[in-house]
Amino acid sequence: MFWSKTLHQLFNHKRIPSTRSQEHEDPLSHISLLSDSQLNIAQITATFGNSDDFKTGEMYLELDANIKVGFAFLEQMVDKNLFQDIMNGLTAKSAEIVEALETGFYELPDLMTNILQTLGEVRTIHDYQEVCYRILSGETVIFVDSYTQVLSVNTASEQQRSVEEPTTQSVVRGPRDGFTESIGTNISLIRKRIKSPNLWLESMTIGRVTQTTVSMMYIKGIVNDKIVAEVRQRLERIDIDGILESGNIEELIQDETFTPFPTVYNTERPDVIASGLLEGRVAILVDGTPFVLEAPVFFTQFFQSSEDYYQRAEFATLIRMLRYVCFFISLMAPSFYIAMTTFHQELLPSSLLFNLAAQREGIPFPAFVEALLMEVTFEILREAGVRLPKTVGQAVSIVGALVIGQGAVDAGLVSPAMVIVVAITAIANFVIPAFSMGIPIRIIRFVLMIFAATFGLFGITVGLIAMVQHLCSLRSFGVPYMSPMAPFVMDDQKDTILRLPQWSLFSRPRFINQKNMIRENNAPTTKPKRR
């Protein structure tokens, strides 16, 4: 915590104070819409810098009435069929528009809105910035002569990836659909699971240049209103040029900056987000990414899988306990091997000690350098397998590990026991369901290796105590990160390391929800009486 606060003060000392209202003021805010459609088209063309894909035009609804309208759109972002339908609809209804105008009871924008509503979503805009934003969103704007208000029709082309199975969180039993890069599709996937009018959605635009749509979803009546207000405040406080992925949002709204542990959960699975919303959490959706954020979160949540709730309770509990065992193996196996072979040989059985000594005969490096060499090599292979094309990535990682491991043993650089320890460590790391939790384990593993090489088991103990102390000091939107274990809540232990039967999960997590705790009222099934 000392180093975290010191670095935080150092970075804040160098940070330039926010001048969002002055330095970053949008120059478009000084431009107003005019009543001449030709002048409006001229100034918006200048705004877009005469880009080749920016198209404008003018047309007369009725030659005798001399009613002129102009339109503007981005060619590559609109559906040409929808645009043509709009033009044809206005032309076909031009006579009716002129007759209605002659009565004197109607305004031209209102008449056009009624006609265009049958073709798509129509908005009436009075702000020049909003006009530019709608064009950039793939909509077609229509300037009406003699009026300062502009009509915007949704003609966006639906160019998006289809709903597919998530690649980062696969399950044996459970839904196969996953989020896509379209925020509209992601919202519909959540609403398909939670058909409640209390599922509220709030959207905002973040990014001075990218103008990215960011939405937060929560269930009114279940969520803690203070958490909603805190999430909203942190999102509105973001002042940045662009948001390209939900990871940008995650880093800007998390409670603690200098920590390896994630305090915001991310997932590609709609069922996971729906489950979190039912527990009282808040979901944050970012346009352009299939990863949806969820807050607040607990440390234990990263060891849970959605499949735990689709399988029997006994099997889910066994798998969860296995994940925690793999967590400690992945975290401590290399450091424990270093400590035992360097400082505490007397704790090993004689036969095992003689076997390890025979294997290490001729090895030129101490156990720490040996473990460090193998761990760094494996991390290189892991990253190479991820970055290479899919057709060769797995082959390179598997063949590379086998060839390098066997070659290192034959060359006398490492012992066979060390290769086994590193392999078990790597496999155990893949058991963790959340990839974001596997990263801090890899980081802390190297720290514990240094402590083990310096102080033995005492160094490992000190490192673990420091890690636990750091975990207990973390917060996720004000909620204790280690709850319900620290502080200990007995009622919430039924869904942490253990997963009790579904009928016993009658209450929501206490630290997340305070006003609507009961989520089910089911009794355990009873055996039928024998006849």
Protein backbone atom coordinates (compact mmCIF):
# COMPACT_ATOMS: atom_id res chain seq x y z
CA MET A 1 0.00 0.00 0.00
CA PHE A 2 2.92 2.38 0.66
CA TRP A 3 4.30 1.99 -2.84
CA SER A 4 0.79 2.21 -4.31
CA LYS A 5 0.14 5.54 -2.58
CA THR A 6 3.62 6.86 -3.47
CA LEU A 7 3.19 6.06 -7.16
CA HIS A 8 -0.32 7.47 -7.11
CA GLN A 9 0.95 10.77 -5.68
CA LEU A 10 3.82 10.84 -8.19
CA PHE A 11 1.53 10.40 -11.18
CA ASN A 12 -0.99 12.89 -9.84
CA HIS A 13 1.81 15.42 -9.32
CA LYS A 14 2.68 15.27 -13.02
CA ARG A 15 -0.87 15.18 -14.26
CA ILE A 16 -2.11 18.31 -16.00
CA PRO A 17 -5.32 19.66 -14.47
CA SER A 18 -8.42 18.99 -16.51
CA THR A 19 -9.46 21.89 -18.74
CA ARG A 20 -12.27 20.13 -20.50
CA SER A 21 -14.54 23.15 -20.57
CA GLN A 22 -11.91 25.41 -22.18
CA GLU A 23 -9.04 23.64 -23.92
CA HIS A 24 -11.10 20.69 -25.18
CA GLU A 25 -14.21 22.62 -26.09
CA ASP A 26 -15.68 21.28 -29.31
CA PRO A 27 -15.38 23.88 -32.12
CA LEU A 28 -18.65 22.58 -33.55
CA SER A 29 -20.48 24.05 -30.55
CA HIS A 30 -20.09 27.52 -32.10
CA ILE A 31 -21.81 26.53 -35.36
CA SER A 32 -25.56 26.96 -35.64
CA LEU A 33 -28.06 25.49 -38.05
CA LEU A 34 -29.38 27.87 -40.69
CA SER A 35 -32.78 28.16 -42.36
CA ASP A 36 -31.23 27.78 -45.84
CA SER A 37 -30.66 24.12 -46.73
CA GLN A 38 -27.97 25.03 -49.27
CA LEU A 39 -25.96 26.94 -46.66
CA ASN A 40 -26.37 24.08 -44.19
CA ILE A 41 -24.99 21.63 -46.73
CA ALA A 42 -22.09 23.97 -47.50
CA GLN A 43 -21.00 24.30 -43.88
CA ILE A 44 -21.37 20.63 -43.05
CA THR A 45 -19.38 19.74 -46.17
CA ALA A 46 -16.62 22.03 -44.92
CA THR A 47 -16.82 20.34 -41.50
CA PHE A 48 -16.23 16.93 -43.06
CA GLY A 49 -13.37 18.30 -45.15
CA ASN A 50 -14.85 17.37 -48.54
CA SER A 51 -14.25 13.68 -47.75
CA ASP A 52 -14.76 11.37 -50.71
CA ASP A 53 -17.29 9.21 -48.88
CA PHE A 54 -19.34 12.20 -47.68
CA LYS A 55 -22.30 12.66 -50.02
CA THR A 56 -24.80 15.51 -50.22
CA GLY A 57 -27.66 16.43 -52.52
CA GLU A 58 -30.79 18.50 -52.98
CA MET A 59 -34.20 17.77 -54.40
CA TYR A 60 -37.55 19.50 -54.96
CA LEU A 61 -40.59 17.82 -53.50
CA GLU A 62 -42.92 19.63 -55.91
CA LEU A 63 -41.73 21.79 -58.78
CA ASP A 64 -44.69 24.16 -58.68
CA ALA A 65 -44.53 24.60 -54.90
CA ASN A 66 -40.74 25.14 -54.98
CA ILE A 67 -40.20 23.08 -51.81
CA LYS A 68 -36.51 22.18 -51.58
CA VAL A 69 -34.82 19.78 -49.15
CA GLY A 70 -31.19 18.75 -48.84
CA PHE A 71 -29.66 15.58 -47.51
CA ALA A 72 -26.22 14.39 -46.35
CA PHE A 73 -24.79 11.00 -45.39
CA LEU A 74 -21.62 8.89 -45.34
CA GLU A 75 -21.75 6.55 -48.32
CA GLN A 76 -20.00 3.56 -46.73
CA MET A 77 -22.08 3.62 -43.55
CA VAL A 78 -25.63 3.73 -44.91
CA ASP A 79 -27.80 1.04 -46.40
CA LYS A 80 -28.31 2.19 -49.98
CA ASN A 81 -31.67 0.40 -50.23
CA LEU A 82 -33.01 2.20 -47.16
CA PHE A 83 -31.77 5.52 -48.49
CA GLN A 84 -33.45 4.93 -51.84
CA ASP A 85 -36.70 4.02 -50.07
CA ILE A 86 -36.59 7.35 -48.24
CA MET A 87 -36.10 9.33 -51.43
CA ASN A 88 -38.85 7.39 -53.22
CA GLY A 89 -41.21 7.83 -50.26
CA LEU A 90 -40.76 11.59 -50.20
CA THR A 91 -41.26 11.82 -53.95
CA ALA A 92 -44.37 9.65 -53.90
CA LYS A 93 -45.94 11.64 -51.06
CA SER A 94 -44.94 15.09 -52.35
CA ALA A 95 -48.44 15.93 -53.63
CA GLU A 96 -50.01 15.07 -50.28
CA ILE A 97 -47.40 17.20 -48.49
CA VAL A 98 -48.17 20.22 -50.68
CA GLU A 99 -51.93 19.85 -50.15
CA ALA A 100 -51.50 19.60 -46.39
CA LEU A 101 -49.25 22.68 -46.33
CA GLU A 102 -51.87 24.73 -48.20
CA THR A 103 -54.34 24.20 -45.36
CA GLY A 104 -52.02 26.12 -43.04
CA PHE A 105 -52.45 23.71 -40.14
CA TYR A 106 -49.23 21.74 -40.60
CA GLU A 107 -45.52 22.43 -40.67
CA LEU A 108 -43.34 20.83 -43.35
CA PRO A 109 -40.95 19.03 -40.92
CA ASP A 110 -43.90 17.48 -39.09
CA LEU A 111 -45.42 16.20 -42.35
CA MET A 112 -42.11 14.74 -43.48
CA THR A 113 -41.61 13.10 -40.09
CA ASN A 114 -44.98 11.35 -40.34
CA ILE A 115 -44.07 10.00 -43.77
CA LEU A 116 -40.52 8.93 -42.87
CA GLN A 117 -41.61 7.15 -39.69
CA THR A 118 -42.97 4.34 -41.85
CA LEU A 119 -39.48 3.84 -43.31
CA GLY A 120 -37.30 4.04 -40.23
CA GLU A 121 -36.55 5.76 -36.93
CA VAL A 122 -36.79 9.55 -37.29
CA ARG A 123 -35.36 12.25 -35.00
CA THR A 124 -35.80 16.00 -35.03
CA ILE A 125 -32.49 17.77 -34.33
CA HIS A 126 -31.84 21.41 -33.46
CA ASP A 127 -28.12 21.17 -32.67
CA TYR A 128 -25.28 21.15 -35.23
CA GLN A 129 -23.12 18.82 -33.13
CA GLU A 130 -25.95 16.31 -33.00
CA VAL A 131 -26.29 16.48 -36.79
CA CYS A 132 -22.62 15.56 -37.24
CA TYR A 133 -22.90 12.74 -34.70
CA ARG A 134 -25.93 11.26 -36.46
CA ILE A 135 -24.14 11.32 -39.81
CA LEU A 136 -21.15 9.56 -38.26
CA SER A 137 -23.53 6.95 -36.83
CA GLY A 138 -24.69 6.00 -40.32
CA GLU A 139 -27.89 8.03 -40.40
CA THR A 140 -29.13 10.29 -43.20
CA VAL A 141 -29.90 13.89 -42.25
CA ILE A 142 -32.44 15.95 -44.19
CA PHE A 143 -32.30 19.77 -44.24
CA VAL A 144 -35.63 21.46 -44.81
CA ASP A 145 -35.57 24.84 -46.51
CA SER A 146 -36.83 27.76 -44.37
CA TYR A 147 -36.46 25.70 -41.16
CA THR A 148 -33.56 25.43 -38.71
CA GLN A 149 -34.59 21.99 -37.54
CA VAL A 150 -33.08 18.92 -39.21
CA LEU A 151 -34.56 15.45 -39.65
CA SER A 152 -32.40 12.37 -39.11
CA VAL A 153 -33.45 8.96 -40.42
CA ASN A 154 -31.76 5.75 -39.30
CA THR A 155 -30.28 4.23 -42.46
CA ALA A 156 -27.24 2.59 -40.83
CA SER A 157 -25.91 -0.48 -42.59
CA GLU A 158 -25.85 -3.54 -40.35
CA GLN A 159 -22.28 -4.75 -40.84
CA GLN A 160 -21.55 -6.89 -37.82
CA ARG A 161 -20.39 -10.31 -36.76
CA SER A 162 -23.09 -12.86 -36.13
CA VAL A 163 -23.74 -14.21 -32.65
CA GLU A 164 -21.26 -17.03 -32.02
CA GLU A 165 -20.01 -19.15 -29.14
CA PRO A 166 -17.60 -17.27 -26.83
CA THR A 167 -13.97 -18.27 -27.32
CA THR A 168 -12.60 -17.18 -23.93
CA GLN A 169 -15.15 -18.82 -21.60
CA SER A 170 -16.34 -22.06 -23.11
CA VAL A 171 -18.60 -24.45 -21.20
CA VAL A 172 -19.72 -28.05 -21.57
CA ARG A 173 -23.29 -27.35 -20.52
CA GLY A 174 -24.90 -23.96 -21.00
CA PRO A 175 -25.87 -21.37 -23.63
CA ARG A 176 -23.67 -21.09 -26.70
CA ASP A 177 -24.37 -17.48 -27.67
CA GLY A 178 -21.88 -14.71 -26.96
CA PHE A 179 -21.65 -10.95 -27.21
CA THR A 180 -20.64 -9.27 -30.47
CA GLU A 181 -19.13 -5.90 -31.38
CA SER A 182 -22.60 -4.35 -31.77
CA ILE A 183 -23.92 -2.77 -28.58
CA GLY A 184 -27.49 -3.08 -29.86
CA THR A 185 -27.10 -6.83 -30.29
CA ASN A 186 -25.54 -7.16 -26.84
CA ILE A 187 -28.41 -5.28 -25.21
CA SER A 188 -30.93 -7.53 -26.95
CA LEU A 189 -29.10 -10.67 -25.75
CA ILE A 190 -29.43 -9.46 -22.16
CA ARG A 191 -33.06 -8.39 -22.51
CA LYS A 192 -33.89 -11.78 -24.03
CA ARG A 193 -32.90 -13.33 -20.71
CA ILE A 194 -34.36 -10.72 -18.37
CA LYS A 195 -37.83 -9.79 -19.58
CA SER A 196 -38.54 -7.18 -16.96
CA PRO A 197 -39.47 -3.50 -17.27
CA ASN A 198 -37.23 -2.91 -14.25
CA LEU A 199 -34.16 -3.63 -16.39
CA TRP A 200 -33.08 -0.05 -17.00
CA LEU A 201 -30.58 1.21 -19.54
CA GLU A 202 -28.62 4.46 -19.43
CA SER A 203 -26.46 5.47 -22.39
CA MET A 204 -23.84 8.16 -22.80
CA THR A 205 -21.18 9.16 -25.30
CA ILE A 206 -17.54 9.01 -24.18
CA GLY A 207 -14.54 10.09 -26.22
CA ARG A 208 -14.11 13.53 -27.72
CA VAL A 209 -12.98 12.08 -31.06
CA THR A 210 -14.40 8.53 -31.21
CA GLN A 211 -17.81 9.45 -29.71
CA THR A 212 -18.21 5.89 -28.41
CA THR A 213 -21.57 4.81 -27.04
CA VAL A 214 -21.30 3.42 -23.51
CA SER A 215 -24.34 2.03 -21.71
CA MET A 216 -24.93 0.87 -18.16
CA MET A 217 -27.64 -1.65 -17.30
CA TYR A 218 -29.12 -2.54 -13.93
CA ILE A 219 -32.34 -3.88 -12.44
CA LYS A 220 -34.22 -1.20 -10.56
CA GLY A 221 -35.43 -2.46 -7.21
CA ILE A 222 -32.59 -4.98 -6.88
CA VAL A 223 -29.45 -2.91 -7.43
CA ASN A 224 -28.03 -0.66 -4.75
CA ASP A 225 -28.74 2.92 -5.84
CA LYS A 226 -25.45 4.11 -4.35
CA ILE A 227 -23.51 1.73 -6.60
CA VAL A 228 -25.44 2.95 -9.64
CA ALA A 229 -24.67 6.56 -8.75
CA GLU A 230 -20.99 5.73 -8.26
CA VAL A 231 -20.72 3.95 -11.62
CA ARG A 232 -22.52 6.80 -13.37
CA GLN A 233 -20.27 9.39 -11.75
CA ARG A 234 -17.07 7.57 -12.73
CA LEU A 235 -18.24 7.18 -16.33
CA GLU A 236 -19.26 10.82 -16.64
CA ARG A 237 -15.89 11.87 -15.21
CA ILE A 238 -13.94 10.27 -18.09
CA ASP A 239 -12.34 12.86 -20.34
CA ILE A 240 -10.36 11.20 -23.14
CA ASP A 241 -9.97 11.41 -26.90
CA GLY A 242 -11.15 7.91 -27.65
CA ILE A 243 -12.56 4.67 -26.25
CA LEU A 244 -11.71 1.71 -28.46
CA GLU A 245 -12.43 -1.20 -26.10
CA SER A 246 -14.00 -1.86 -22.73
CA GLY A 247 -10.49 -2.24 -21.30
CA ASN A 248 -10.07 1.53 -21.66
CA ILE A 249 -13.17 2.04 -19.51
CA GLU A 250 -12.09 -0.60 -16.99
CA GLU A 251 -8.75 1.08 -16.35
CA LEU A 252 -10.33 4.50 -15.92
CA ILE A 253 -13.05 3.52 -13.43
CA GLN A 254 -11.34 0.91 -11.24
CA ASP A 255 -10.86 1.69 -7.55
CA GLU A 256 -7.15 0.89 -7.27
CA THR A 257 -4.74 1.64 -10.11
CA PHE A 258 -1.54 0.00 -8.91
CA THR A 259 -2.69 -3.56 -8.28
CA PRO A 260 -2.27 -6.70 -10.38
CA PHE A 261 -5.72 -7.97 -9.40
CA PRO A 262 -8.75 -7.00 -11.52
CA THR A 263 -11.49 -5.15 -9.65
CA VAL A 264 -13.88 -5.11 -12.62
CA TYR A 265 -15.12 -8.32 -14.22
CA ASN A 266 -15.28 -8.77 -18.01
CA THR A 267 -17.02 -11.52 -19.94
CA GLU A 268 -18.30 -12.49 -23.38
CA ARG A 269 -21.23 -14.48 -21.99
CA PRO A 270 -24.72 -12.91 -21.77
CA ASP A 271 -25.84 -15.46 -19.16
CA VAL A 272 -23.03 -14.35 -16.83
CA ILE A 273 -24.08 -10.71 -17.12
CA ALA A 274 -27.74 -11.63 -16.60
CA SER A 275 -26.82 -13.56 -13.46
CA GLY A 276 -24.82 -10.60 -12.16
CA LEU A 277 -27.70 -8.21 -12.79
CA LEU A 278 -30.03 -10.48 -10.83
CA GLU A 279 -27.58 -10.31 -7.92
CA GLY A 280 -27.61 -6.51 -7.94
CA ARG A 281 -24.56 -5.71 -10.05
CA VAL A 282 -24.20 -3.12 -12.81
CA ALA A 283 -23.25 -4.03 -16.38
CA ILE A 284 -21.27 -1.64 -18.59
CA LEU A 285 -21.52 -2.16 -22.35
CA VAL A 286 -19.16 -0.47 -24.82
CA ASP A 287 -19.91 -0.25 -28.52
CA GLY A 288 -17.32 -2.01 -30.67
CA THR A 289 -16.27 -4.80 -28.30
CA PRO A 290 -17.75 -8.19 -27.30
CA PHE A 291 -16.47 -7.86 -23.73
CA VAL A 292 -18.99 -6.46 -21.24
CA LEU A 293 -17.89 -5.17 -17.84
CA GLU A 294 -19.55 -5.99 -14.54
CA ALA A 295 -19.15 -4.29 -11.17
CA PRO A 296 -18.80 -4.59 -8.25
CA VAL A 297 -17.00 -7.95 -8.06
CA PHE A 298 -15.50 -10.23 -5.44
CA PHE A 299 -12.21 -12.13 -5.57
CA THR A 300 -14.11 -15.43 -5.45
CA GLN A 301 -16.14 -14.51 -8.52
CA PHE A 302 -13.10 -15.05 -10.77
CA PHE A 303 -13.04 -18.73 -9.73
CA GLN A 304 -16.68 -19.29 -10.62
CA SER A 305 -18.03 -20.38 -13.98
CA SER A 306 -21.55 -20.08 -15.32
CA GLU A 307 -21.51 -23.84 -15.75
CA ASP A 308 -21.38 -24.22 -11.96
CA TYR A 309 -25.07 -23.32 -11.83
CA TYR A 310 -26.08 -25.64 -14.69
CA GLN A 311 -24.50 -28.77 -13.16
CA ARG A 312 -25.38 -30.59 -9.94
CA ALA A 313 -24.23 -28.89 -6.75
CA GLU A 314 -21.90 -31.72 -5.75
CA PHE A 315 -20.03 -31.65 -9.05
CA ALA A 316 -19.85 -27.82 -9.06
CA THR A 317 -18.42 -27.81 -5.53
CA LEU A 318 -15.75 -30.37 -6.48
CA ILE A 319 -14.71 -28.36 -9.54
CA ARG A 320 -14.54 -25.14 -7.54
CA MET A 321 -12.32 -26.72 -4.91
CA LEU A 322 -10.11 -28.02 -7.72
CA ARG A 323 -9.80 -24.47 -9.09
CA TYR A 324 -8.60 -23.14 -5.74
CA VAL A 325 -6.08 -25.97 -5.50
CA CYS A 326 -4.84 -25.13 -9.00
CA PHE A 327 -4.64 -21.47 -7.98
CA PHE A 328 -2.15 -22.30 -5.22
CA ILE A 329 -0.25 -24.74 -7.46
CA SER A 330 0.11 -22.15 -10.19
CA LEU A 331 1.09 -19.51 -7.66
CA MET A 332 3.52 -21.44 -5.46
CA ALA A 333 4.82 -24.57 -7.22
CA PRO A 334 8.09 -23.10 -8.63
CA SER A 335 8.84 -21.08 -5.49
CA PHE A 336 8.12 -24.10 -3.26
CA TYR A 337 10.48 -26.24 -5.36
CA ILE A 338 13.19 -23.58 -5.09
CA ALA A 339 12.79 -23.28 -1.32
CA MET A 340 12.80 -27.02 -0.69
CA THR A 341 15.83 -27.79 -2.87
CA THR A 342 17.85 -24.78 -1.72
CA PHE A 343 17.12 -24.30 2.00
CA HIS A 344 14.98 -27.13 3.37
CA GLN A 345 16.36 -30.41 2.05
CA GLU A 346 15.80 -31.99 5.46
CA LEU A 347 12.03 -31.81 4.90
CA LEU A 348 12.21 -34.10 1.88
CA PRO A 349 12.16 -37.91 2.10
CA SER A 350 15.62 -39.40 1.66
CA SER A 351 14.76 -41.28 -1.53
CA LEU A 352 13.29 -38.16 -3.14
CA LEU A 353 16.22 -36.04 -2.00
CA PHE A 354 18.76 -38.47 -3.50
CA ASN A 355 16.77 -38.60 -6.73
CA LEU A 356 16.66 -34.80 -7.04
CA ALA A 357 20.34 -34.52 -6.20
CA ALA A 358 21.18 -37.04 -8.92
CA GLN A 359 19.11 -35.11 -11.44
CA ARG A 360 20.76 -31.82 -10.53
CA GLU A 361 24.26 -33.24 -10.80
CA GLY A 362 25.96 -31.37 -13.59
CA ILE A 363 23.36 -28.56 -13.73
CA PRO A 364 25.42 -25.33 -13.85
CA PHE A 365 22.72 -23.06 -12.43
CA PRO A 366 21.10 -22.78 -9.00
CA ALA A 367 17.45 -23.77 -8.67
CA PHE A 368 16.25 -20.17 -8.90
CA VAL A 369 18.02 -19.47 -12.21
CA GLU A 370 16.85 -22.84 -13.49
CA ALA A 371 13.21 -22.07 -12.63
CA LEU A 372 13.48 -18.52 -13.96
CA LEU A 373 14.89 -19.78 -17.26
CA MET A 374 12.08 -22.30 -17.74
CA GLU A 375 9.31 -19.90 -16.66
CA VAL A 376 10.48 -17.13 -18.99
CA THR A 377 10.79 -19.65 -21.84
CA PHE A 378 7.26 -20.87 -21.26
CA GLU A 379 5.89 -17.30 -21.14
CA ILE A 380 7.57 -16.63 -24.49
CA LEU A 381 6.00 -19.77 -25.97
CA ARG A 382 2.61 -18.82 -24.56
CA GLU A 383 2.72 -15.34 -26.12
CA ALA A 384 4.02 -16.74 -29.40
CA GLY A 385 1.12 -19.19 -29.53
CA VAL A 386 -1.37 -16.37 -28.96
CA ARG A 387 0.08 -13.95 -31.54
CA LEU A 388 0.76 -16.44 -34.32
CA PRO A 389 -1.99 -17.35 -36.82
CA LYS A 390 -4.43 -19.93 -35.49
CA THR A 391 -3.38 -22.53 -38.05
CA VAL A 392 0.18 -22.67 -36.72
CA GLY A 393 -0.11 -21.17 -33.23
CA GLN A 394 -1.02 -24.35 -31.38
CA ALA A 395 1.51 -26.43 -33.29
CA VAL A 396 4.32 -24.00 -32.51
CA SER A 397 3.47 -23.78 -28.82
CA ILE A 398 3.14 -27.54 -28.31
CA VAL A 399 6.12 -28.58 -30.46
CA GLY A 400 8.20 -25.72 -29.06
CA ALA A 401 7.50 -26.74 -25.48
CA LEU A 402 8.33 -30.40 -26.13
CA VAL A 403 11.47 -29.72 -28.15
CA ILE A 404 12.85 -26.98 -25.90
CA GLY A 405 12.03 -28.88 -22.71
CA GLN A 406 13.62 -32.11 -23.86
CA GLY A 407 16.54 -30.25 -25.40
CA ALA A 408 17.20 -28.32 -22.19
CA VAL A 409 17.23 -31.56 -20.18
CA ASP A 410 19.54 -33.31 -22.68
CA ALA A 411 21.87 -30.30 -22.69
CA GLY A 412 22.13 -30.37 -18.92
CA LEU A 413 20.70 -26.86 -18.47
CA VAL A 414 17.70 -27.88 -16.35
CA SER A 415 16.65 -30.97 -14.45
CA PRO A 416 13.69 -33.17 -15.44
CA ALA A 417 11.99 -32.35 -12.13
CA MET A 418 12.01 -28.65 -12.98
CA VAL A 419 10.39 -29.33 -16.36
CA ILE A 420 7.62 -31.24 -14.58
CA VAL A 421 7.09 -28.43 -12.05
CA VAL A 422 6.86 -25.77 -14.76
CA ALA A 423 4.49 -27.90 -16.84
CA ILE A 424 2.16 -28.53 -13.89
CA THR A 425 2.27 -24.83 -13.04
CA ALA A 426 1.27 -23.84 -16.57
CA ILE A 427 -1.55 -26.37 -16.79
CA ALA A 428 -2.91 -25.34 -13.39
CA ASN A 429 -2.99 -21.71 -14.54
CA PHE A 430 -5.30 -22.61 -17.42
CA VAL A 431 -7.85 -24.07 -14.99
CA ILE A 432 -8.78 -20.56 -13.74
CA PRO A 433 -12.02 -19.63 -15.62
CA ALA A 434 -11.24 -15.89 -15.83
CA PHE A 435 -8.25 -15.01 -17.98
CA SER A 436 -7.91 -11.66 -16.18
CA MET A 437 -7.16 -13.52 -12.92
CA GLY A 438 -4.50 -15.70 -14.55
CA ILE A 439 -2.35 -12.65 -15.33
CA PRO A 440 -1.76 -11.52 -11.70
CA ILE A 441 -0.98 -15.14 -10.75
CA ARG A 442 1.79 -15.16 -13.36
CA ILE A 443 3.17 -11.87 -12.04
CA ILE A 444 3.13 -12.81 -8.36
CA ARG A 445 4.66 -16.19 -9.17
CA PHE A 446 7.94 -14.49 -10.13
CA VAL A 447 7.88 -12.39 -6.95
CA LEU A 448 7.44 -15.48 -4.78
CA MET A 449 10.30 -17.18 -6.65
CA ILE A 450 12.59 -14.30 -5.66
CA PHE A 451 11.43 -14.50 -2.03
CA ALA A 452 11.93 -18.29 -2.01
CA ALA A 453 15.45 -18.00 -3.43
CA THR A 454 16.33 -15.40 -0.77
CA PHE A 455 14.61 -16.56 2.42
CA GLY A 456 13.17 -20.02 1.67
CA LEU A 457 9.77 -20.97 3.09
CA PHE A 458 9.90 -17.93 5.36
CA GLY A 459 10.08 -15.68 2.28
CA ILE A 460 7.11 -17.47 0.69
CA THR A 461 5.11 -16.99 3.90
CA VAL A 462 5.93 -13.28 4.01
CA GLY A 463 4.97 -12.91 0.36
CA LEU A 464 1.64 -14.68 0.87
CA ILE A 465 0.84 -12.54 3.93
CA ALA A 466 1.61 -9.39 1.95
CA MET A 467 -0.61 -10.60 -0.89
CA VAL A 468 -3.52 -11.38 1.44
CA GLN A 469 -3.12 -8.01 3.16
CA HIS A 470 -3.23 -6.28 -0.23
CA LEU A 471 -6.30 -8.26 -1.29
CA CYS A 472 -8.13 -7.33 1.93
CA SER A 473 -7.38 -3.65 1.33
CA LEU A 474 -8.92 -3.60 -2.16
CA ARG A 475 -12.40 -2.32 -2.95
CA SER A 476 -14.59 -2.72 -6.00
CA PHE A 477 -16.83 0.35 -6.16
CA GLY A 478 -16.71 0.57 -2.39
CA VAL A 479 -17.45 -3.14 -1.82
CA PRO A 480 -14.76 -5.21 0.01
CA TYR A 481 -12.91 -7.24 -2.61
CA MET A 482 -12.47 -10.31 -0.39
CA SER A 483 -16.03 -10.47 0.89
CA PRO A 484 -17.78 -12.62 1.95
CA MET A 485 -14.60 -14.19 3.40
CA ALA A 486 -13.08 -10.97 4.73
CA PRO A 487 -15.20 -9.56 6.25
CA PHE A 488 -16.74 -12.94 6.92
CA VAL A 489 -20.44 -13.34 6.13
CA MET A 490 -21.78 -16.73 7.11
CA ASP A 491 -24.94 -16.53 4.98
CA ASP A 492 -22.93 -15.94 1.79
CA GLN A 493 -20.61 -18.94 2.23
CA LYS A 494 -23.12 -21.12 0.41
CA ASP A 495 -21.85 -19.79 -2.93
CA THR A 496 -18.13 -19.09 -2.52
CA ILE A 497 -15.80 -22.08 -2.31
CA LEU A 498 -18.81 -24.38 -2.01
CA ARG A 499 -21.90 -24.30 -4.19
CA LEU A 500 -24.88 -25.54 -2.23
CA PRO A 501 -28.06 -26.77 -3.96
CA GLN A 502 -30.12 -24.24 -5.88
CA TRP A 503 -32.95 -24.15 -3.35
CA SER A 504 -30.56 -22.94 -0.65
CA LEU A 505 -29.35 -19.89 -2.64
CA PHE A 506 -32.32 -17.86 -1.48
CA SER A 507 -30.49 -14.59 -0.70
CA ARG A 508 -28.34 -12.24 -2.73
CA PRO A 509 -24.80 -11.23 -1.70
CA ARG A 510 -25.09 -9.02 1.37
CA PHE A 511 -22.39 -6.49 0.46
CA ILE A 512 -23.85 -5.86 -3.00
CA ASN A 513 -27.54 -5.66 -2.19
CA GLN A 514 -29.12 -4.30 0.96
CA LYS A 515 -32.79 -3.71 0.16
CA ASN A 516 -33.98 -6.76 -1.81
CA MET A 517 -32.16 -9.73 -0.38
CA ILE A 518 -34.55 -12.60 -1.13
CA ARG A 519 -34.40 -13.95 -4.67
CA GLU A 520 -36.21 -17.28 -4.29
CA ASN A 521 -38.45 -19.17 -1.90
CA ASN A 522 -38.08 -22.84 -2.68
CA ALA A 523 -38.13 -25.77 -0.30
CA PRO A 524 -35.80 -28.78 -0.66
CA THR A 525 -37.25 -31.72 -2.50
CA THR A 526 -38.43 -34.61 -0.34
CA LYS A 527 -38.46 -38.27 -1.09
CA PRO A 528 -41.89 -39.75 -1.88
CA LYS A 529 -43.31 -42.01 0.75
CA ARG A 530 -43.03 -45.71 0.12
CA ARG A 531 -46.29 -47.46 -0.48
